Amino acid sequence: MNSRRAILRSGIASAFILTLSAFTRRAPTESEQRLIDHYTNNDPGWALLGKTLLSTDRAKGVVHASFPAEVSNLAGRPFRISGYMTPLETSARTRHFIITRRSTTCPFCPPNEPTEAVEVRLDTPTAFTDAEVAVTGRMDLVATSDQGLFFRLSAARMIALTES
């Protein structure tokens, strides 16, 4: 027991911990950054939605969203966003999915933030794709969620990435 404490107090343990933290906190290499950028969507809508502040009520198991005025103004209005599909149904064609800023299949990408996911309900089913997509629909804001979804596009449709 005393020998373990002596090792932990020694400079060897400190050097090991510092070396280990250098590996876990290093900046991505150029090729890793290209992969991250390849699977990250920089649609300006994500920056706008990202201004939403979140707070957690751990006792109730829910998260509350506080929408700034510029996000609140989106409620009930048409909104267009592009990103990557995460299906919520098991069928080959889907009407219900989540669109996220980053692809969930990218092993180098950080996970999506709660403000980087929009629930989508399409009028017409579409085939799942792992390519970047764009959707438009009526924006609904969800102030309290136990699922971590605060934005919903209703009466949505798929659009070409070049459409505005």
N, C-alpha and C. Protein backbone atom coordinates (compact mmCIF):
# COMPACT_ATOMS: atom_id res chain seq x y z
N MET A 1 0.82 -1.19 0.00
CA MET A 1 0.00 0.00 0.00
C MET A 1 0.87 1.25 0.00
N ASN A 2 1.88 1.26 0.87
CA ASN A 2 2.77 2.42 0.93
C ASN A 2 3.54 2.59 -0.36
N SER A 3 3.89 1.47 -1.00
CA SER A 3 4.65 1.58 -2.25
C SER A 3 3.80 2.20 -3.36
N ARG A 4 2.51 1.90 -3.40
CA ARG A 4 1.63 2.50 -4.40
C ARG A 4 1.53 4.01 -4.20
N ARG A 5 1.38 4.42 -2.95
CA ARG A 5 1.31 5.85 -2.66
C ARG A 5 2.61 6.55 -3.05
N ALA A 6 3.70 5.88 -2.78
CA ALA A 6 5.00 6.48 -3.12
C ALA A 6 5.13 6.66 -4.63
N ILE A 7 4.66 5.69 -5.39
CA ILE A 7 4.73 5.78 -6.85
C ILE A 7 3.83 6.91 -7.34
N LEU A 8 2.61 7.00 -6.79
CA LEU A 8 1.70 8.05 -7.21
C LEU A 8 2.23 9.44 -6.88
N ARG A 9 2.93 9.55 -5.76
CA ARG A 9 3.49 10.84 -5.38
C ARG A 9 4.74 11.18 -6.17
N SER A 10 5.31 10.20 -6.78
CA SER A 10 6.58 10.42 -7.48
C SER A 10 6.38 11.21 -8.77
N GLY A 11 7.45 11.71 -9.27
CA GLY A 11 7.43 12.44 -10.53
C GLY A 11 7.10 11.55 -11.70
N ILE A 12 7.35 10.25 -11.58
CA ILE A 12 7.06 9.31 -12.67
C ILE A 12 5.56 9.29 -12.96
N ALA A 13 4.76 9.23 -11.93
CA ALA A 13 3.31 9.21 -12.13
C ALA A 13 2.85 10.52 -12.75
N SER A 14 3.39 11.64 -12.28
CA SER A 14 3.01 12.93 -12.84
C SER A 14 3.38 13.02 -14.31
N ALA A 15 4.57 12.55 -14.65
CA ALA A 15 5.01 12.59 -16.05
C ALA A 15 4.10 11.71 -16.90
N PHE A 16 3.73 10.54 -16.40
CA PHE A 16 2.86 9.63 -17.13
C PHE A 16 1.50 10.28 -17.39
N ILE A 17 0.94 10.92 -16.36
CA ILE A 17 -0.37 11.56 -16.49
C ILE A 17 -0.30 12.70 -17.49
N LEU A 18 0.76 13.51 -17.44
CA LEU A 18 0.91 14.61 -18.39
C LEU A 18 1.06 14.08 -19.81
N THR A 19 1.82 13.01 -19.98
CA THR A 19 1.99 12.41 -21.30
C THR A 19 0.66 11.87 -21.82
N LEU A 20 -0.08 11.20 -20.96
CA LEU A 20 -1.38 10.65 -21.34
C LEU A 20 -2.34 11.77 -21.74
N SER A 21 -2.36 12.87 -20.97
CA SER A 21 -3.27 13.96 -21.31
C SER A 21 -2.88 14.61 -22.63
N ALA A 22 -1.60 14.60 -22.97
CA ALA A 22 -1.18 15.16 -24.27
C ALA A 22 -1.77 14.35 -25.41
N PHE A 23 -1.90 13.04 -25.24
CA PHE A 23 -2.48 12.19 -26.29
C PHE A 23 -3.98 12.38 -26.38
N THR A 24 -4.64 12.56 -25.26
CA THR A 24 -6.10 12.65 -25.29
C THR A 24 -6.59 14.05 -25.64
N ARG A 25 -5.76 15.07 -25.53
CA ARG A 25 -6.20 16.44 -25.79
C ARG A 25 -5.50 17.06 -26.99
N ARG A 26 -4.94 16.27 -27.84
CA ARG A 26 -4.22 16.82 -28.99
C ARG A 26 -5.18 17.33 -30.04
N ALA A 27 -4.71 18.27 -30.81
CA ALA A 27 -5.51 18.79 -31.92
C ALA A 27 -5.57 17.73 -33.01
N PRO A 28 -6.65 17.69 -33.79
CA PRO A 28 -6.73 16.70 -34.88
C PRO A 28 -5.65 16.97 -35.93
N THR A 29 -5.17 15.90 -36.53
CA THR A 29 -4.23 16.06 -37.64
C THR A 29 -4.97 16.66 -38.82
N GLU A 30 -4.22 17.08 -39.83
CA GLU A 30 -4.86 17.71 -41.00
C GLU A 30 -5.83 16.74 -41.67
N SER A 31 -5.44 15.47 -41.80
CA SER A 31 -6.34 14.51 -42.45
C SER A 31 -7.57 14.22 -41.58
N GLU A 32 -7.40 14.18 -40.25
CA GLU A 32 -8.56 13.99 -39.37
C GLU A 32 -9.49 15.21 -39.46
N GLN A 33 -8.92 16.42 -39.54
CA GLN A 33 -9.74 17.62 -39.64
C GLN A 33 -10.54 17.63 -40.94
N ARG A 34 -9.94 17.14 -42.04
CA ARG A 34 -10.68 17.06 -43.31
C ARG A 34 -11.87 16.11 -43.16
N LEU A 35 -11.67 14.99 -42.45
CA LEU A 35 -12.78 14.05 -42.24
C LEU A 35 -13.86 14.69 -41.38
N ILE A 36 -13.46 15.39 -40.32
CA ILE A 36 -14.43 16.06 -39.46
C ILE A 36 -15.22 17.07 -40.27
N ASP A 37 -14.52 17.90 -41.05
CA ASP A 37 -15.19 18.92 -41.85
C ASP A 37 -16.09 18.30 -42.90
N HIS A 38 -15.69 17.13 -43.43
CA HIS A 38 -16.48 16.46 -44.46
C HIS A 38 -17.85 16.05 -43.92
N TYR A 39 -17.90 15.66 -42.66
CA TYR A 39 -19.14 15.17 -42.08
C TYR A 39 -19.81 16.19 -41.15
N THR A 40 -19.40 17.46 -41.24
CA THR A 40 -20.00 18.52 -40.44
C THR A 40 -20.65 19.52 -41.38
N ASN A 41 -21.89 19.85 -41.12
CA ASN A 41 -22.62 20.80 -41.95
C ASN A 41 -22.54 22.18 -41.33
N ASN A 42 -22.22 23.18 -42.12
CA ASN A 42 -22.10 24.54 -41.61
C ASN A 42 -23.23 25.45 -42.08
N ASP A 43 -24.41 24.88 -42.26
CA ASP A 43 -25.60 25.66 -42.59
C ASP A 43 -25.76 26.74 -41.51
N PRO A 44 -26.02 28.00 -41.88
CA PRO A 44 -26.17 29.06 -40.88
C PRO A 44 -27.31 28.81 -39.88
N GLY A 45 -28.27 27.97 -40.25
CA GLY A 45 -29.35 27.63 -39.34
C GLY A 45 -28.86 26.98 -38.06
N TRP A 46 -27.78 26.21 -38.14
CA TRP A 46 -27.25 25.56 -36.94
C TRP A 46 -26.72 26.59 -35.95
N ALA A 47 -26.06 27.63 -36.45
CA ALA A 47 -25.56 28.68 -35.55
C ALA A 47 -26.73 29.40 -34.87
N LEU A 48 -27.79 29.63 -35.62
CA LEU A 48 -28.97 30.29 -35.05
C LEU A 48 -29.60 29.43 -33.96
N LEU A 49 -29.83 28.15 -34.25
CA LEU A 49 -30.43 27.25 -33.25
C LEU A 49 -29.51 27.08 -32.05
N GLY A 50 -28.20 27.17 -32.27
CA GLY A 50 -27.21 27.01 -31.20
C GLY A 50 -27.25 28.11 -30.16
N LYS A 51 -27.97 29.18 -30.42
CA LYS A 51 -28.09 30.27 -29.45
C LYS A 51 -29.09 29.95 -28.34
N THR A 52 -29.80 28.84 -28.49
CA THR A 52 -30.76 28.40 -27.48
C THR A 52 -30.01 27.95 -26.24
N LEU A 53 -30.45 28.42 -25.09
CA LEU A 53 -29.83 28.03 -23.81
C LEU A 53 -30.62 26.88 -23.19
N LEU A 54 -29.90 25.91 -22.65
CA LEU A 54 -30.53 24.73 -22.06
C LEU A 54 -30.22 24.65 -20.57
N SER A 55 -31.20 24.17 -19.81
CA SER A 55 -30.99 23.90 -18.39
C SER A 55 -31.66 22.56 -18.07
N THR A 56 -31.08 21.86 -17.13
CA THR A 56 -31.55 20.51 -16.80
C THR A 56 -32.22 20.49 -15.43
N ASP A 57 -33.38 19.86 -15.37
CA ASP A 57 -34.05 19.58 -14.10
C ASP A 57 -33.82 18.09 -13.84
N ARG A 58 -32.76 17.79 -13.12
CA ARG A 58 -32.38 16.38 -12.89
C ARG A 58 -33.44 15.63 -12.09
N ALA A 59 -34.11 16.29 -11.19
CA ALA A 59 -35.13 15.62 -10.38
C ALA A 59 -36.27 15.11 -11.24
N LYS A 60 -36.66 15.88 -12.25
CA LYS A 60 -37.75 15.48 -13.13
C LYS A 60 -37.26 14.76 -14.38
N GLY A 61 -35.96 14.81 -14.64
CA GLY A 61 -35.40 14.15 -15.82
C GLY A 61 -35.75 14.84 -17.12
N VAL A 62 -35.86 16.16 -17.09
CA VAL A 62 -36.18 16.91 -18.30
C VAL A 62 -35.18 18.04 -18.51
N VAL A 63 -35.11 18.49 -19.73
CA VAL A 63 -34.27 19.62 -20.09
C VAL A 63 -35.18 20.73 -20.59
N HIS A 64 -34.90 21.95 -20.16
CA HIS A 64 -35.69 23.11 -20.56
C HIS A 64 -34.87 23.96 -21.52
N ALA A 65 -35.52 24.45 -22.56
CA ALA A 65 -34.87 25.33 -23.54
C ALA A 65 -35.38 26.75 -23.33
N SER A 66 -34.44 27.68 -23.37
CA SER A 66 -34.77 29.10 -23.31
C SER A 66 -34.39 29.69 -24.67
N PHE A 67 -35.41 30.04 -25.45
CA PHE A 67 -35.18 30.50 -26.82
C PHE A 67 -34.98 32.01 -26.85
N PRO A 68 -33.86 32.47 -27.41
CA PRO A 68 -33.71 33.92 -27.58
C PRO A 68 -34.73 34.41 -28.62
N ALA A 69 -34.94 35.71 -28.70
CA ALA A 69 -35.96 36.29 -29.58
C ALA A 69 -35.79 35.84 -31.02
N GLU A 70 -34.55 35.80 -31.51
CA GLU A 70 -34.36 35.43 -32.92
C GLU A 70 -34.74 33.97 -33.21
N VAL A 71 -34.65 33.11 -32.21
CA VAL A 71 -35.10 31.72 -32.38
C VAL A 71 -36.61 31.65 -32.18
N SER A 72 -37.13 32.35 -31.18
CA SER A 72 -38.58 32.38 -30.93
C SER A 72 -39.35 32.85 -32.16
N ASN A 73 -38.75 33.76 -32.90
CA ASN A 73 -39.40 34.29 -34.11
C ASN A 73 -39.56 33.24 -35.20
N LEU A 74 -38.87 32.11 -35.09
CA LEU A 74 -38.98 31.04 -36.09
C LEU A 74 -40.26 30.21 -35.90
N ALA A 75 -40.83 30.25 -34.71
CA ALA A 75 -41.98 29.41 -34.39
C ALA A 75 -43.13 29.64 -35.37
N GLY A 76 -43.60 28.55 -35.97
CA GLY A 76 -44.72 28.59 -36.89
C GLY A 76 -44.38 29.06 -38.29
N ARG A 77 -43.12 29.37 -38.52
CA ARG A 77 -42.69 29.88 -39.82
C ARG A 77 -41.93 28.81 -40.60
N PRO A 78 -41.85 28.98 -41.93
CA PRO A 78 -41.03 28.06 -42.73
C PRO A 78 -39.56 28.19 -42.34
N PHE A 79 -38.89 27.05 -42.27
CA PHE A 79 -37.47 27.01 -41.92
C PHE A 79 -36.80 25.96 -42.77
N ARG A 80 -35.61 26.27 -43.26
CA ARG A 80 -34.82 25.35 -44.08
C ARG A 80 -33.52 25.06 -43.35
N ILE A 81 -33.14 23.78 -43.34
CA ILE A 81 -31.89 23.36 -42.71
C ILE A 81 -31.32 22.19 -43.49
N SER A 82 -30.01 22.08 -43.50
CA SER A 82 -29.38 20.92 -44.14
C SER A 82 -28.49 20.22 -43.12
N GLY A 83 -28.30 18.94 -43.33
CA GLY A 83 -27.50 18.13 -42.42
C GLY A 83 -27.59 16.67 -42.80
N TYR A 84 -27.56 15.81 -41.79
CA TYR A 84 -27.50 14.36 -42.00
C TYR A 84 -28.67 13.67 -41.31
N MET A 85 -29.22 12.68 -41.98
CA MET A 85 -30.39 11.95 -41.47
C MET A 85 -30.00 10.92 -40.41
N THR A 86 -30.82 10.86 -39.37
CA THR A 86 -30.76 9.77 -38.40
C THR A 86 -32.18 9.21 -38.36
N PRO A 87 -32.40 8.03 -38.94
CA PRO A 87 -33.78 7.51 -39.04
C PRO A 87 -34.36 7.15 -37.67
N LEU A 88 -35.65 7.31 -37.54
CA LEU A 88 -36.38 6.92 -36.33
C LEU A 88 -37.33 5.77 -36.60
N GLU A 89 -37.41 5.36 -37.85
CA GLU A 89 -38.27 4.24 -38.25
C GLU A 89 -37.39 3.17 -38.88
N THR A 90 -37.87 1.95 -38.86
CA THR A 90 -37.08 0.83 -39.39
C THR A 90 -37.39 0.50 -40.84
N SER A 91 -38.35 1.17 -41.44
CA SER A 91 -38.70 0.86 -42.83
C SER A 91 -37.68 1.48 -43.79
N ALA A 92 -37.68 1.00 -45.03
CA ALA A 92 -36.75 1.50 -46.05
C ALA A 92 -37.04 2.96 -46.40
N ARG A 93 -38.29 3.34 -46.34
CA ARG A 93 -38.68 4.74 -46.60
C ARG A 93 -39.24 5.31 -45.30
N THR A 94 -38.93 6.54 -45.04
CA THR A 94 -39.30 7.12 -43.76
C THR A 94 -39.94 8.49 -43.91
N ARG A 95 -40.82 8.81 -42.97
CA ARG A 95 -41.41 10.15 -42.87
C ARG A 95 -40.88 10.85 -41.62
N HIS A 96 -40.27 10.10 -40.73
CA HIS A 96 -39.89 10.61 -39.41
C HIS A 96 -38.42 10.32 -39.16
N PHE A 97 -37.63 11.37 -39.02
CA PHE A 97 -36.20 11.22 -38.74
C PHE A 97 -35.69 12.46 -38.04
N ILE A 98 -34.46 12.41 -37.64
CA ILE A 98 -33.79 13.57 -37.05
C ILE A 98 -32.72 14.00 -38.03
N ILE A 99 -32.63 15.29 -38.27
CA ILE A 99 -31.54 15.83 -39.08
C ILE A 99 -30.55 16.47 -38.10
N THR A 100 -29.28 16.12 -38.26
CA THR A 100 -28.25 16.60 -37.34
C THR A 100 -27.16 17.35 -38.10
N ARG A 101 -26.45 18.18 -37.38
CA ARG A 101 -25.37 18.96 -37.99
C ARG A 101 -24.22 18.06 -38.42
N ARG A 102 -23.89 17.07 -37.60
CA ARG A 102 -22.80 16.16 -37.91
C ARG A 102 -23.34 14.76 -38.15
N SER A 103 -22.71 14.06 -39.06
CA SER A 103 -23.12 12.69 -39.32
C SER A 103 -22.82 11.83 -38.09
N THR A 104 -23.79 11.01 -37.71
CA THR A 104 -23.58 10.13 -36.56
C THR A 104 -22.72 8.93 -36.93
N THR A 105 -22.39 8.78 -38.22
CA THR A 105 -21.55 7.66 -38.64
C THR A 105 -20.07 8.03 -38.70
N CYS A 106 -19.73 9.29 -38.43
CA CYS A 106 -18.34 9.75 -38.50
C CYS A 106 -17.60 9.39 -37.21
N PRO A 107 -16.57 8.53 -37.29
CA PRO A 107 -15.86 8.14 -36.07
C PRO A 107 -14.97 9.24 -35.51
N PHE A 108 -14.64 10.27 -36.30
CA PHE A 108 -13.77 11.34 -35.85
C PHE A 108 -14.53 12.57 -35.37
N CYS A 109 -15.83 12.63 -35.64
CA CYS A 109 -16.62 13.82 -35.32
C CYS A 109 -17.03 13.82 -33.85
N PRO A 110 -17.07 15.00 -33.24
CA PRO A 110 -17.64 15.07 -31.89
C PRO A 110 -19.13 14.82 -31.97
N PRO A 111 -19.75 14.41 -30.87
CA PRO A 111 -21.20 14.18 -30.91
C PRO A 111 -21.94 15.49 -31.13
N ASN A 112 -23.15 15.38 -31.65
CA ASN A 112 -23.99 16.55 -31.86
C ASN A 112 -24.45 17.09 -30.51
N GLU A 113 -24.56 18.40 -30.43
CA GLU A 113 -25.13 19.06 -29.26
C GLU A 113 -26.65 18.95 -29.36
N PRO A 114 -27.37 19.10 -28.24
CA PRO A 114 -28.84 19.06 -28.32
C PRO A 114 -29.42 20.11 -29.27
N THR A 115 -28.72 21.23 -29.44
CA THR A 115 -29.21 22.27 -30.35
C THR A 115 -28.79 22.00 -31.79
N GLU A 116 -28.19 20.86 -32.03
CA GLU A 116 -27.76 20.47 -33.38
C GLU A 116 -28.56 19.28 -33.90
N ALA A 117 -29.82 19.21 -33.50
CA ALA A 117 -30.71 18.14 -33.94
C ALA A 117 -32.12 18.69 -34.09
N VAL A 118 -32.74 18.36 -35.21
CA VAL A 118 -34.11 18.81 -35.49
C VAL A 118 -34.93 17.58 -35.87
N GLU A 119 -36.04 17.37 -35.18
CA GLU A 119 -36.96 16.29 -35.53
C GLU A 119 -37.71 16.70 -36.78
N VAL A 120 -37.83 15.78 -37.74
CA VAL A 120 -38.47 16.08 -39.02
C VAL A 120 -39.63 15.12 -39.24
N ARG A 121 -40.77 15.68 -39.63
CA ARG A 121 -41.95 14.90 -40.03
C ARG A 121 -42.29 15.29 -41.45
N LEU A 122 -41.95 14.40 -42.40
CA LEU A 122 -42.19 14.66 -43.82
C LEU A 122 -43.63 14.38 -44.20
N ASP A 123 -44.12 15.10 -45.21
CA ASP A 123 -45.43 14.80 -45.78
C ASP A 123 -45.38 13.54 -46.63
N THR A 124 -44.26 13.33 -47.33
CA THR A 124 -44.09 12.20 -48.24
C THR A 124 -42.87 11.39 -47.80
N PRO A 125 -42.99 10.07 -47.72
CA PRO A 125 -41.84 9.26 -47.30
C PRO A 125 -40.66 9.40 -48.27
N THR A 126 -39.48 9.23 -47.73
CA THR A 126 -38.27 9.28 -48.53
C THR A 126 -37.34 8.15 -48.11
N ALA A 127 -36.45 7.78 -48.99
CA ALA A 127 -35.46 6.74 -48.68
C ALA A 127 -34.37 7.33 -47.81
N PHE A 128 -33.88 6.55 -46.87
CA PHE A 128 -32.76 6.97 -46.03
C PHE A 128 -31.51 7.12 -46.88
N THR A 129 -30.71 8.10 -46.56
CA THR A 129 -29.40 8.27 -47.20
C THR A 129 -28.41 8.74 -46.15
N ASP A 130 -27.15 8.37 -46.32
CA ASP A 130 -26.13 8.88 -45.40
C ASP A 130 -25.44 10.12 -45.99
N ALA A 131 -25.92 10.57 -47.15
CA ALA A 131 -25.41 11.80 -47.76
C ALA A 131 -26.09 13.01 -47.11
N GLU A 132 -25.50 14.15 -47.29
CA GLU A 132 -26.08 15.39 -46.78
C GLU A 132 -27.41 15.66 -47.48
N VAL A 133 -28.41 16.11 -46.71
CA VAL A 133 -29.74 16.41 -47.24
C VAL A 133 -30.18 17.78 -46.74
N ALA A 134 -31.23 18.31 -47.36
CA ALA A 134 -31.84 19.56 -46.91
C ALA A 134 -33.34 19.36 -46.81
N VAL A 135 -33.95 19.96 -45.79
CA VAL A 135 -35.39 19.87 -45.60
C VAL A 135 -35.93 21.27 -45.27
N THR A 136 -37.20 21.44 -45.57
CA THR A 136 -37.89 22.67 -45.20
C THR A 136 -39.25 22.29 -44.65
N GLY A 137 -39.73 23.08 -43.71
CA GLY A 137 -41.02 22.81 -43.11
C GLY A 137 -41.36 23.90 -42.10
N ARG A 138 -42.46 23.72 -41.41
CA ARG A 138 -42.89 24.68 -40.39
C ARG A 138 -42.16 24.37 -39.08
N MET A 139 -41.47 25.38 -38.55
CA MET A 139 -40.69 25.19 -37.33
C MET A 139 -41.59 25.24 -36.10
N ASP A 140 -41.48 24.22 -35.27
CA ASP A 140 -42.14 24.18 -33.98
C ASP A 140 -41.04 24.13 -32.92
N LEU A 141 -41.20 24.89 -31.86
CA LEU A 141 -40.23 24.92 -30.78
C LEU A 141 -40.79 24.15 -29.59
N VAL A 142 -39.95 23.33 -28.97
CA VAL A 142 -40.35 22.52 -27.83
C VAL A 142 -39.54 23.00 -26.62
N ALA A 143 -40.20 23.66 -25.67
CA ALA A 143 -39.49 24.28 -24.55
C ALA A 143 -39.00 23.27 -23.51
N THR A 144 -39.70 22.15 -23.34
CA THR A 144 -39.32 21.15 -22.35
C THR A 144 -39.33 19.78 -23.01
N SER A 145 -38.23 19.03 -22.81
CA SER A 145 -38.13 17.74 -23.47
C SER A 145 -37.42 16.73 -22.58
N ASP A 146 -37.94 15.52 -22.56
CA ASP A 146 -37.23 14.45 -21.87
C ASP A 146 -36.41 13.64 -22.87
N GLN A 147 -36.49 13.98 -24.15
CA GLN A 147 -35.75 13.29 -25.20
C GLN A 147 -34.61 14.13 -25.76
N GLY A 148 -34.50 15.39 -25.35
CA GLY A 148 -33.42 16.24 -25.82
C GLY A 148 -33.65 16.83 -27.20
N LEU A 149 -34.90 16.85 -27.67
CA LEU A 149 -35.22 17.44 -28.96
C LEU A 149 -36.06 18.70 -28.74
N PHE A 150 -35.56 19.84 -29.22
CA PHE A 150 -36.21 21.12 -28.96
C PHE A 150 -36.74 21.80 -30.20
N PHE A 151 -36.44 21.23 -31.36
CA PHE A 151 -36.87 21.80 -32.63
C PHE A 151 -37.54 20.72 -33.47
N ARG A 152 -38.65 21.09 -34.13
CA ARG A 152 -39.39 20.12 -34.95
C ARG A 152 -39.83 20.80 -36.24
N LEU A 153 -39.60 20.14 -37.35
CA LEU A 153 -40.12 20.61 -38.63
C LEU A 153 -41.33 19.75 -38.98
N SER A 154 -42.50 20.38 -39.06
CA SER A 154 -43.74 19.70 -39.42
C SER A 154 -44.08 20.03 -40.86
N ALA A 155 -44.92 19.19 -41.47
CA ALA A 155 -45.31 19.39 -42.87
C ALA A 155 -44.07 19.66 -43.72
N ALA A 156 -43.04 18.87 -43.47
CA ALA A 156 -41.74 19.09 -44.11
C ALA A 156 -41.63 18.36 -45.45
N ARG A 157 -40.69 18.82 -46.25
CA ARG A 157 -40.38 18.16 -47.52
C ARG A 157 -38.88 18.24 -47.76
N MET A 158 -38.38 17.25 -48.47
CA MET A 158 -36.97 17.23 -48.86
C MET A 158 -36.80 18.23 -50.00
N ILE A 159 -35.67 18.94 -50.01
CA ILE A 159 -35.38 19.88 -51.08
C ILE A 159 -33.94 19.67 -51.53
N ALA A 160 -33.65 20.17 -52.73
CA ALA A 160 -32.27 20.09 -53.23
C ALA A 160 -31.39 20.99 -52.36
N LEU A 161 -30.15 20.59 -52.17
CA LEU A 161 -29.24 21.37 -51.33
C LEU A 161 -29.04 22.78 -51.86
N THR A 162 -29.24 23.00 -53.15
CA THR A 162 -29.03 24.32 -53.72
C THR A 162 -30.26 25.21 -53.62
N GLU A 163 -31.43 24.65 -53.25
CA GLU A 163 -32.66 25.45 -53.10
C GLU A 163 -32.55 26.32 -51.87
N SER A 164 -33.15 27.49 -51.93
CA SER A 164 -33.14 28.34 -50.73
C SER A 164 -34.48 28.35 -50.06
